[in-house]
Amino acid sequence: MSLVTNECTKLHFVNIAQVVDELYEDGYEVVMRDSEHSYTVGELRVIDRLIAWITQINYAHDEIENEKIMHNQFADYDKYYQMITEAEEGLMSY
């Protein structure tokens, strides 16, 4: 499963399956049921938040790399580090 977003014509690809595998390796368990399962609103909210925060973190990391390339020593990473911090706090609180 992959997630594709479009931010100002930039395509951003995130392999959600890989992220879920990494969560599992870190000791977290993410359980998905068969396709016939009807997800509750709570389950869908969790899935939505996971995807949003993971995408935000990956986007911010990519933008930090772009800033390094484009602006070298004058790069400003603060807003991207803030995005990462907010997303990590959201992941930890859920």
PDB file of N, CA and C in Angstrom:
ATOM      1  N   MET A   1       0.861  -1.164   0.000  1.00  0.00           N
ATOM      2  CA  MET A   1       0.000   0.000   0.000  1.00  0.00           C
ATOM      3  C   MET A   1       0.905   1.223   0.000  1.00  0.00           C
ATOM      4  N   SER A   2       0.602   2.191  -0.823  1.00  0.00           N
ATOM      5  CA  SER A   2       1.371   3.421  -0.863  1.00  0.00           C
ATOM      6  C   SER A   2       0.437   4.607  -0.781  1.00  0.00           C
ATOM      7  N   LEU A   3       0.977   5.691  -0.320  1.00  0.00           N
ATOM      8  CA  LEU A   3       0.225   6.930  -0.235  1.00  0.00           C
ATOM      9  C   LEU A   3       0.903   7.936  -1.134  1.00  0.00           C
ATOM     10  N   VAL A   4       0.140   8.612  -1.966  1.00  0.00           N
ATOM     11  CA  VAL A   4       0.688   9.633  -2.851  1.00  0.00           C
ATOM     12  C   VAL A   4      -0.056  10.925  -2.579  1.00  0.00           C
ATOM     13  N   THR A   5       0.689  11.974  -2.318  1.00  0.00           N
ATOM     14  CA  THR A   5       0.078  13.278  -2.129  1.00  0.00           C
ATOM     15  C   THR A   5       0.678  14.236  -3.134  1.00  0.00           C
ATOM     16  N   ASN A   6       0.015  15.350  -3.345  1.00  0.00           N
ATOM     17  CA  ASN A   6       0.514  16.356  -4.257  1.00  0.00           C
ATOM     18  C   ASN A   6       0.573  17.679  -3.513  1.00  0.00           C
ATOM     19  N   GLU A   7       1.759  18.179  -3.261  1.00  0.00           N
ATOM     20  CA  GLU A   7       1.955  19.434  -2.545  1.00  0.00           C
ATOM     21  C   GLU A   7       2.633  20.398  -3.507  1.00  0.00           C
ATOM     22  N   CYS A   8       1.860  21.336  -4.044  1.00  0.00           N
ATOM     23  CA  CYS A   8       2.394  22.319  -4.999  1.00  0.00           C
ATOM     24  C   CYS A   8       3.088  21.617  -6.154  1.00  0.00           C
ATOM     25  N   THR A   9       2.440  20.652  -6.732  1.00  0.00           N
ATOM     26  CA  THR A   9       2.881  19.846  -7.871  1.00  0.00           C
ATOM     27  C   THR A   9       4.059  18.926  -7.569  1.00  0.00           C
ATOM     28  N   LYS A  10       4.469  18.820  -6.313  1.00  0.00           N
ATOM     29  CA  LYS A  10       5.490  17.846  -5.939  1.00  0.00           C
ATOM     30  C   LYS A  10       4.768  16.553  -5.594  1.00  0.00           C
ATOM     31  N   LEU A  11       5.233  15.454  -6.130  1.00  0.00           N
ATOM     32  CA  LEU A  11       4.674  14.163  -5.749  1.00  0.00           C
ATOM     33  C   LEU A  11       5.490  13.622  -4.591  1.00  0.00           C
ATOM     34  N   HIS A  12       4.806  13.081  -3.625  1.00  0.00           N
ATOM     35  CA  HIS A  12       5.482  12.558  -2.439  1.00  0.00           C
ATOM     36  C   HIS A  12       4.984  11.139  -2.214  1.00  0.00           C
ATOM     37  N   PHE A  13       5.882  10.190  -2.242  1.00  0.00           N
ATOM     38  CA  PHE A  13       5.513   8.790  -2.106  1.00  0.00           C
ATOM     39  C   PHE A  13       5.939   8.260  -0.747  1.00  0.00           C
ATOM     40  N   VAL A  14       5.034   7.573  -0.088  1.00  0.00           N
ATOM     41  CA  VAL A  14       5.315   6.950   1.199  1.00  0.00           C
ATOM     42  C   VAL A  14       4.857   5.500   1.120  1.00  0.00           C
ATOM     43  N   ASN A  15       5.728   4.595   1.457  1.00  0.00           N
ATOM     44  CA  ASN A  15       5.366   3.186   1.485  1.00  0.00           C
ATOM     45  C   ASN A  15       4.844   2.872   2.882  1.00  0.00           C
ATOM     46  N   ILE A  16       3.521   2.880   3.040  1.00  0.00           N
ATOM     47  CA  ILE A  16       2.902   2.663   4.348  1.00  0.00           C
ATOM     48  C   ILE A  16       3.220   1.267   4.873  1.00  0.00           C
ATOM     49  N   ALA A  17       3.267   0.284   3.992  1.00  0.00           N
ATOM     50  CA  ALA A  17       3.575  -1.078   4.431  1.00  0.00           C
ATOM     51  C   ALA A  17       4.958  -1.131   5.073  1.00  0.00           C
ATOM     52  N   GLN A  18       5.916  -0.436   4.503  1.00  0.00           N
ATOM     53  CA  GLN A  18       7.269  -0.398   5.075  1.00  0.00           C
ATOM     54  C   GLN A  18       7.256   0.289   6.437  1.00  0.00           C
ATOM     55  N   VAL A  19       6.497   1.363   6.556  1.00  0.00           N
ATOM     56  CA  VAL A  19       6.407   2.081   7.836  1.00  0.00           C
ATOM     57  C   VAL A  19       5.776   1.185   8.896  1.00  0.00           C
ATOM     58  N   VAL A  20       4.725   0.465   8.534  1.00  0.00           N
ATOM     59  CA  VAL A  20       4.086  -0.447   9.479  1.00  0.00           C
ATOM     60  C   VAL A  20       5.078  -1.533   9.904  1.00  0.00           C
ATOM     61  N   ASP A  21       5.872  -2.054   8.949  1.00  0.00           N
ATOM     62  CA  ASP A  21       6.893  -3.036   9.279  1.00  0.00           C
ATOM     63  C   ASP A  21       7.920  -2.465  10.260  1.00  0.00           C
ATOM     64  N   GLU A  22       8.311  -1.209  10.052  1.00  0.00           N
ATOM     65  CA  GLU A  22       9.273  -0.565  10.945  1.00  0.00           C
ATOM     66  C   GLU A  22       8.676  -0.379  12.342  1.00  0.00           C
ATOM     67  N   LEU A  23       7.391  -0.029  12.408  1.00  0.00           N
ATOM     68  CA  LEU A  23       6.724   0.080  13.704  1.00  0.00           C
ATOM     69  C   LEU A  23       6.744  -1.268  14.422  1.00  0.00           C
ATOM     70  N   TYR A  24       6.479  -2.334  13.660  1.00  0.00           N
ATOM     71  CA  TYR A  24       6.494  -3.683  14.237  1.00  0.00           C
ATOM     72  C   TYR A  24       7.881  -4.020  14.791  1.00  0.00           C
ATOM     73  N   GLU A  25       8.935  -3.677  14.023  1.00  0.00           N
ATOM     74  CA  GLU A  25      10.301  -3.933  14.467  1.00  0.00           C
ATOM     75  C   GLU A  25      10.624  -3.160  15.747  1.00  0.00           C
ATOM     76  N   ASP A  26      10.001  -1.992  15.921  1.00  0.00           N
ATOM     77  CA  ASP A  26      10.220  -1.184  17.119  1.00  0.00           C
ATOM     78  C   ASP A  26       9.343  -1.627  18.295  1.00  0.00           C
ATOM     79  N   GLY A  27       8.574  -2.700  18.108  1.00  0.00           N
ATOM     80  CA  GLY A  27       7.781  -3.232  19.198  1.00  0.00           C
ATOM     81  C   GLY A  27       6.309  -2.856  19.170  1.00  0.00           C
ATOM     82  N   TYR A  28       5.878  -2.119  18.159  1.00  0.00           N
ATOM     83  CA  TYR A  28       4.467  -1.759  18.046  1.00  0.00           C
ATOM     84  C   TYR A  28       3.745  -2.804  17.219  1.00  0.00           C
ATOM     85  N   GLU A  29       2.464  -2.989  17.489  1.00  0.00           N
ATOM     86  CA  GLU A  29       1.669  -3.927  16.712  1.00  0.00           C
ATOM     87  C   GLU A  29       0.526  -3.169  16.047  1.00  0.00           C
ATOM     88  N   VAL A  30       0.494  -3.215  14.737  1.00  0.00           N
ATOM     89  CA  VAL A  30      -0.572  -2.582  13.970  1.00  0.00           C
ATOM     90  C   VAL A  30      -1.358  -3.717  13.329  1.00  0.00           C
ATOM     91  N   VAL A  31      -2.607  -3.842  13.694  1.00  0.00           N
ATOM     92  CA  VAL A  31      -3.425  -4.962  13.235  1.00  0.00           C
ATOM     93  C   VAL A  31      -4.421  -4.470  12.191  1.00  0.00           C
ATOM     94  N   MET A  32      -4.421  -5.108  11.054  1.00  0.00           N
ATOM     95  CA  MET A  32      -5.386  -4.818  10.003  1.00  0.00           C
ATOM     96  C   MET A  32      -6.187  -6.098   9.771  1.00  0.00           C
ATOM     97  N   ARG A  33      -7.473  -5.970   9.625  1.00  0.00           N
ATOM     98  CA  ARG A  33      -8.325  -7.137   9.431  1.00  0.00           C
ATOM     99  C   ARG A  33      -8.587  -7.358   7.950  1.00  0.00           C
ATOM    100  N   ASP A  34      -9.288  -8.459   7.652  1.00  0.00           N
ATOM    101  CA  ASP A  34      -9.552  -8.774   6.249  1.00  0.00           C
ATOM    102  C   ASP A  34     -10.446  -7.718   5.604  1.00  0.00           C
ATOM    103  N   SER A  35     -10.526  -7.768   4.296  1.00  0.00           N
ATOM    104  CA  SER A  35     -11.233  -6.723   3.547  1.00  0.00           C
ATOM    105  C   SER A  35     -12.737  -6.713   3.817  1.00  0.00           C
ATOM    106  N   GLU A  36     -13.280  -7.781   4.383  1.00  0.00           N
ATOM    107  CA  GLU A  36     -14.708  -7.813   4.663  1.00  0.00           C
ATOM    108  C   GLU A  36     -15.054  -7.108   5.966  1.00  0.00           C
ATOM    109  N   HIS A  37     -14.048  -6.752   6.735  1.00  0.00           N
ATOM    110  CA  HIS A  37     -14.289  -6.103   8.019  1.00  0.00           C
ATOM    111  C   HIS A  37     -14.785  -4.679   7.811  1.00  0.00           C
ATOM    112  N   SER A  38     -15.764  -4.314   8.561  1.00  0.00           N
ATOM    113  CA  SER A  38     -16.265  -2.949   8.536  1.00  0.00           C
ATOM    114  C   SER A  38     -15.593  -2.191   9.670  1.00  0.00           C
ATOM    115  N   TYR A  39     -14.712  -1.263   9.344  1.00  0.00           N
ATOM    116  CA  TYR A  39     -13.955  -0.541  10.361  1.00  0.00           C
ATOM    117  C   TYR A  39     -14.858   0.418  11.131  1.00  0.00           C
ATOM    118  N   THR A  40     -14.595   0.530  12.405  1.00  0.00           N
ATOM    119  CA  THR A  40     -15.327   1.499  13.214  1.00  0.00           C
ATOM    120  C   THR A  40     -14.759   2.886  12.944  1.00  0.00           C
ATOM    121  N   VAL A  41     -15.480   3.898  13.353  1.00  0.00           N
ATOM    122  CA  VAL A  41     -15.004   5.266  13.195  1.00  0.00           C
ATOM    123  C   VAL A  41     -13.680   5.445  13.936  1.00  0.00           C
ATOM    124  N   GLY A  42     -13.569   4.855  15.104  1.00  0.00           N
ATOM    125  CA  GLY A  42     -12.328   4.954  15.875  1.00  0.00           C
ATOM    126  C   GLY A  42     -11.144   4.342  15.156  1.00  0.00           C
ATOM    127  N   GLU A  43     -11.348   3.167  14.545  1.00  0.00           N
ATOM    128  CA  GLU A  43     -10.277   2.519  13.800  1.00  0.00           C
ATOM    129  C   GLU A  43      -9.863   3.351  12.597  1.00  0.00           C
ATOM    130  N   LEU A  44     -10.837   3.893  11.891  1.00  0.00           N
ATOM    131  CA  LEU A  44     -10.524   4.733  10.737  1.00  0.00           C
ATOM    132  C   LEU A  44      -9.790   6.000  11.155  1.00  0.00           C
ATOM    133  N   ARG A  45     -10.149   6.546  12.299  1.00  0.00           N
ATOM    134  CA  ARG A  45      -9.474   7.742  12.805  1.00  0.00           C
ATOM    135  C   ARG A  45      -8.000   7.435  13.092  1.00  0.00           C
ATOM    136  N   VAL A  46      -7.731   6.274  13.679  1.00  0.00           N
ATOM    137  CA  VAL A  46      -6.349   5.889  13.965  1.00  0.00           C
ATOM    138  C   VAL A  46      -5.558   5.725  12.674  1.00  0.00           C
ATOM    139  N   ILE A  47      -6.126   5.042  11.708  1.00  0.00           N
ATOM    140  CA  ILE A  47      -5.459   4.848  10.421  1.00  0.00           C
ATOM    141  C   ILE A  47      -5.193   6.195   9.758  1.00  0.00           C
ATOM    142  N   ASP A  48      -6.176   7.062   9.769  1.00  0.00           N
ATOM    143  CA  ASP A  48      -6.034   8.391   9.178  1.00  0.00           C
ATOM    144  C   ASP A  48      -4.909   9.174   9.842  1.00  0.00           C
ATOM    145  N   ARG A  49      -4.877   9.180  11.157  1.00  0.00           N
ATOM    146  CA  ARG A  49      -3.842   9.926  11.894  1.00  0.00           C
ATOM    147  C   ARG A  49      -2.461   9.353  11.622  1.00  0.00           C
ATOM    148  N   LEU A  50      -2.340   8.020  11.620  1.00  0.00           N
ATOM    149  CA  LEU A  50      -1.047   7.398  11.319  1.00  0.00           C
ATOM    150  C   LEU A  50      -0.534   7.838   9.952  1.00  0.00           C
ATOM    151  N   ILE A  51      -1.396   7.760   8.953  1.00  0.00           N
ATOM    152  CA  ILE A  51      -0.987   8.142   7.603  1.00  0.00           C
ATOM    153  C   ILE A  51      -0.614   9.620   7.544  1.00  0.00           C
ATOM    154  N   ALA A  52      -1.427  10.473   8.170  1.00  0.00           N
ATOM    155  CA  ALA A  52      -1.148  11.909   8.137  1.00  0.00           C
ATOM    156  C   ALA A  52       0.179  12.239   8.809  1.00  0.00           C
ATOM    157  N   TRP A  53       0.422  11.693   9.997  1.00  0.00           N
ATOM    158  CA  TRP A  53       1.657  12.018  10.718  1.00  0.00           C
ATOM    159  C   TRP A  53       2.887  11.435  10.035  1.00  0.00           C
ATOM    160  N   ILE A  54       2.781  10.205   9.541  1.00  0.00           N
ATOM    161  CA  ILE A  54       3.912   9.584   8.852  1.00  0.00           C
ATOM    162  C   ILE A  54       4.239  10.371   7.581  1.00  0.00           C
ATOM    163  N   THR A  55       3.214  10.766   6.851  1.00  0.00           N
ATOM    164  CA  THR A  55       3.427  11.568   5.641  1.00  0.00           C
ATOM    165  C   THR A  55       4.060  12.907   5.984  1.00  0.00           C
ATOM    166  N   GLN A  56       3.600  13.536   7.056  1.00  0.00           N
ATOM    167  CA  GLN A  56       4.160  14.829   7.478  1.00  0.00           C
ATOM    168  C   GLN A  56       5.648  14.700   7.818  1.00  0.00           C
ATOM    169  N   ILE A  57       6.006  13.650   8.533  1.00  0.00           N
ATOM    170  CA  ILE A  57       7.406  13.437   8.899  1.00  0.00           C
ATOM    171  C   ILE A  57       8.256  13.226   7.654  1.00  0.00           C
ATOM    172  N   ASN A  58       7.797  12.370   6.749  1.00  0.00           N
ATOM    173  CA  ASN A  58       8.565  12.104   5.537  1.00  0.00           C
ATOM    174  C   ASN A  58       8.688  13.343   4.655  1.00  0.00           C
ATOM    175  N   TYR A  59       7.613  14.106   4.547  1.00  0.00           N
ATOM    176  CA  TYR A  59       7.644  15.345   3.765  1.00  0.00           C
ATOM    177  C   TYR A  59       8.664  16.319   4.351  1.00  0.00           C
ATOM    178  N   ALA A  60       8.645  16.479   5.672  1.00  0.00           N
ATOM    179  CA  ALA A  60       9.574  17.409   6.320  1.00  0.00           C
ATOM    180  C   ALA A  60      11.024  16.970   6.113  1.00  0.00           C
ATOM    181  N   HIS A  61      11.297  15.676   6.219  1.00  0.00           N
ATOM    182  CA  HIS A  61      12.655  15.180   5.983  1.00  0.00           C
ATOM    183  C   HIS A  61      13.100  15.479   4.547  1.00  0.00           C
ATOM    184  N   ASP A  62      12.203  15.266   3.600  1.00  0.00           N
ATOM    185  CA  ASP A  62      12.530  15.561   2.196  1.00  0.00           C
ATOM    186  C   ASP A  62      12.805  17.047   1.988  1.00  0.00           C
ATOM    187  N   GLU A  63      12.008  17.894   2.625  1.00  0.00           N
ATOM    188  CA  GLU A  63      12.207  19.342   2.479  1.00  0.00           C
ATOM    189  C   GLU A  63      13.499  19.808   3.143  1.00  0.00           C
ATOM    190  N   ILE A  64      13.887  19.181   4.234  1.00  0.00           N
ATOM    191  CA  ILE A  64      15.177  19.502   4.856  1.00  0.00           C
ATOM    192  C   ILE A  64      16.311  19.200   3.887  1.00  0.00           C
ATOM    193  N   GLU A  65      16.233  18.062   3.229  1.00  0.00           N
ATOM    194  CA  GLU A  65      17.254  17.708   2.236  1.00  0.00           C
ATOM    195  C   GLU A  65      17.267  18.713   1.081  1.00  0.00           C
ATOM    196  N   ASN A  66      16.088  19.123   0.625  1.00  0.00           N
ATOM    197  CA  ASN A  66      16.006  20.117  -0.451  1.00  0.00           C
ATOM    198  C   ASN A  66      16.608  21.447  -0.014  1.00  0.00           C
ATOM    199  N   GLU A  67      16.341  21.863   1.223  1.00  0.00           N
ATOM    200  CA  GLU A  67      16.908  23.108   1.757  1.00  0.00           C
ATOM    201  C   GLU A  67      18.435  23.031   1.775  1.00  0.00           C
ATOM    202  N   LYS A  68      18.973  21.891   2.185  1.00  0.00           N
ATOM    203  CA  LYS A  68      20.431  21.718   2.218  1.00  0.00           C
ATOM    204  C   LYS A  68      21.022  21.908   0.827  1.00  0.00           C
ATOM    205  N   ILE A  69      20.370  21.320  -0.160  1.00  0.00           N
ATOM    206  CA  ILE A  69      20.869  21.390  -1.536  1.00  0.00           C
ATOM    207  C   ILE A  69      20.743  22.807  -2.093  1.00  0.00           C
ATOM    208  N   MET A  70      19.595  23.432  -1.894  1.00  0.00           N
ATOM    209  CA  MET A  70      19.325  24.731  -2.515  1.00  0.00           C
ATOM    210  C   MET A  70      19.976  25.904  -1.790  1.00  0.00           C
ATOM    211  N   HIS A  71      20.040  25.856  -0.460  1.00  0.00           N
ATOM    212  CA  HIS A  71      20.472  27.032   0.286  1.00  0.00           C
ATOM    213  C   HIS A  71      21.728  26.811   1.112  1.00  0.00           C
ATOM    214  N   ASN A  72      22.240  25.595   1.090  1.00  0.00           N
ATOM    215  CA  ASN A  72      23.483  25.252   1.759  1.00  0.00           C
ATOM    216  C   ASN A  72      23.545  25.807   3.178  1.00  0.00           C
ATOM    217  N   GLN A  73      24.502  26.681   3.473  1.00  0.00           N
ATOM    218  CA  GLN A  73      24.683  27.173   4.844  1.00  0.00           C
ATOM    219  C   GLN A  73      23.598  28.142   5.286  1.00  0.00           C
ATOM    220  N   PHE A  74      22.789  28.673   4.353  1.00  0.00           N
ATOM    221  CA  PHE A  74      21.738  29.625   4.702  1.00  0.00           C
ATOM    222  C   PHE A  74      20.367  28.959   4.845  1.00  0.00           C
ATOM    223  N   ALA A  75      20.356  27.647   4.828  1.00  0.00           N
ATOM    224  CA  ALA A  75      19.101  26.901   4.910  1.00  0.00           C
ATOM    225  C   ALA A  75      18.409  27.138   6.253  1.00  0.00           C
ATOM    226  N   ASP A  76      17.084  27.197   6.198  1.00  0.00           N
ATOM    227  CA  ASP A  76      16.281  27.381   7.408  1.00  0.00           C
ATOM    228  C   ASP A  76      15.424  26.128   7.603  1.00  0.00           C
ATOM    229  N   TYR A  77      15.755  25.361   8.628  1.00  0.00           N
ATOM    230  CA  TYR A  77      15.080  24.089   8.875  1.00  0.00           C
ATOM    231  C   TYR A  77      14.008  24.159   9.946  1.00  0.00           C
ATOM    232  N   ASP A  78      13.883  25.283  10.618  1.00  0.00           N
ATOM    233  CA  ASP A  78      13.019  25.372  11.795  1.00  0.00           C
ATOM    234  C   ASP A  78      11.596  24.888  11.567  1.00  0.00           C
ATOM    235  N   LYS A  79      10.955  25.344  10.481  1.00  0.00           N
ATOM    236  CA  LYS A  79       9.555  24.947  10.272  1.00  0.00           C
ATOM    237  C   LYS A  79       9.431  23.447  10.012  1.00  0.00           C
ATOM    238  N   TYR A  80      10.454  22.855   9.375  1.00  0.00           N
ATOM    239  CA  TYR A  80      10.400  21.425   9.103  1.00  0.00           C
ATOM    240  C   TYR A  80      10.644  20.614  10.374  1.00  0.00           C
ATOM    241  N   TYR A  81      11.566  21.078  11.212  1.00  0.00           N
ATOM    242  CA  TYR A  81      11.775  20.404  12.495  1.00  0.00           C
ATOM    243  C   TYR A  81      10.523  20.504  13.363  1.00  0.00           C
ATOM    244  N   GLN A  82       9.827  21.632  13.282  1.00  0.00           N
ATOM    245  CA  GLN A  82       8.578  21.799  14.029  1.00  0.00           C
ATOM    246  C   GLN A  82       7.510  20.820  13.528  1.00  0.00           C
ATOM    247  N   MET A  83       7.442  20.646  12.196  1.00  0.00           N
ATOM    248  CA  MET A  83       6.494  19.686  11.623  1.00  0.00           C
ATOM    249  C   MET A  83       6.788  18.277  12.133  1.00  0.00           C
ATOM    250  N   ILE A  84       8.070  17.921  12.174  1.00  0.00           N
ATOM    251  CA  ILE A  84       8.464  16.594  12.639  1.00  0.00           C
ATOM    252  C   ILE A  84       8.102  16.423  14.110  1.00  0.00           C
ATOM    253  N   THR A  85       8.404  17.421  14.926  1.00  0.00           N
ATOM    254  CA  THR A  85       8.109  17.357  16.347  1.00  0.00           C
ATOM    255  C   THR A  85       6.621  17.192  16.592  1.00  0.00           C
ATOM    256  N   GLU A  86       5.804  17.980  15.901  1.00  0.00           N
ATOM    257  CA  GLU A  86       4.353  17.884  16.069  1.00  0.00           C
ATOM    258  C   GLU A  86       3.838  16.510  15.687  1.00  0.00           C
ATOM    259  N   ALA A  87       4.333  15.970  14.575  1.00  0.00           N
ATOM    260  CA  ALA A  87       3.875  14.661  14.128  1.00  0.00           C
ATOM    261  C   ALA A  87       4.325  13.561  15.098  1.00  0.00           C
ATOM    262  N   GLU A  88       5.556  13.654  15.590  1.00  0.00           N
ATOM    263  CA  GLU A  88       6.039  12.653  16.544  1.00  0.00           C
ATOM    264  C   GLU A  88       5.244  12.713  17.845  1.00  0.00           C
ATOM    265  N   GLU A  89       4.909  13.921  18.294  1.00  0.00           N
ATOM    266  CA  GLU A  89       4.087  14.054  19.496  1.00  0.00           C
ATOM    267  C   GLU A  89       2.699  13.448  19.271  1.00  0.00           C
ATOM    268  N   GLY A  90       2.153  13.647  18.090  1.00  0.00           N
ATOM    269  CA  GLY A  90       0.858  13.048  17.770  1.00  0.00           C
ATOM    270  C   GLY A  90       0.919  11.533  17.765  1.00  0.00           C
ATOM    271  N   LEU A  91       1.987  10.983  17.174  1.00  0.00           N
ATOM    272  CA  LEU A  91       2.147   9.528  17.148  1.00  0.00           C
ATOM    273  C   LEU A  91       2.279   8.964  18.550  1.00  0.00           C
ATOM    274  N   MET A  92       3.022   9.651  19.402  1.00  0.00           N
ATOM    275  CA  MET A  92       3.227   9.150  20.770  1.00  0.00           C
ATOM    276  C   MET A  92       1.970   9.265  21.618  1.00  0.00           C
ATOM    277  N   SER A  93       1.128  10.249  21.318  1.00  0.00           N
ATOM    278  CA  SER A  93      -0.071  10.442  22.143  1.00  0.00           C
ATOM    279  C   SER A  93      -1.216   9.540  21.739  1.00  0.00           C
ATOM    280  N   TYR A  94      -1.150   8.958  20.558  1.00  0.00           N
ATOM    281  CA  TYR A  94      -2.259   8.118  20.101  1.00  0.00           C
ATOM    282  C   TYR A  94      -2.117   6.751  20.661  1.00  0.00           C
TER     283      TYR A  94
END
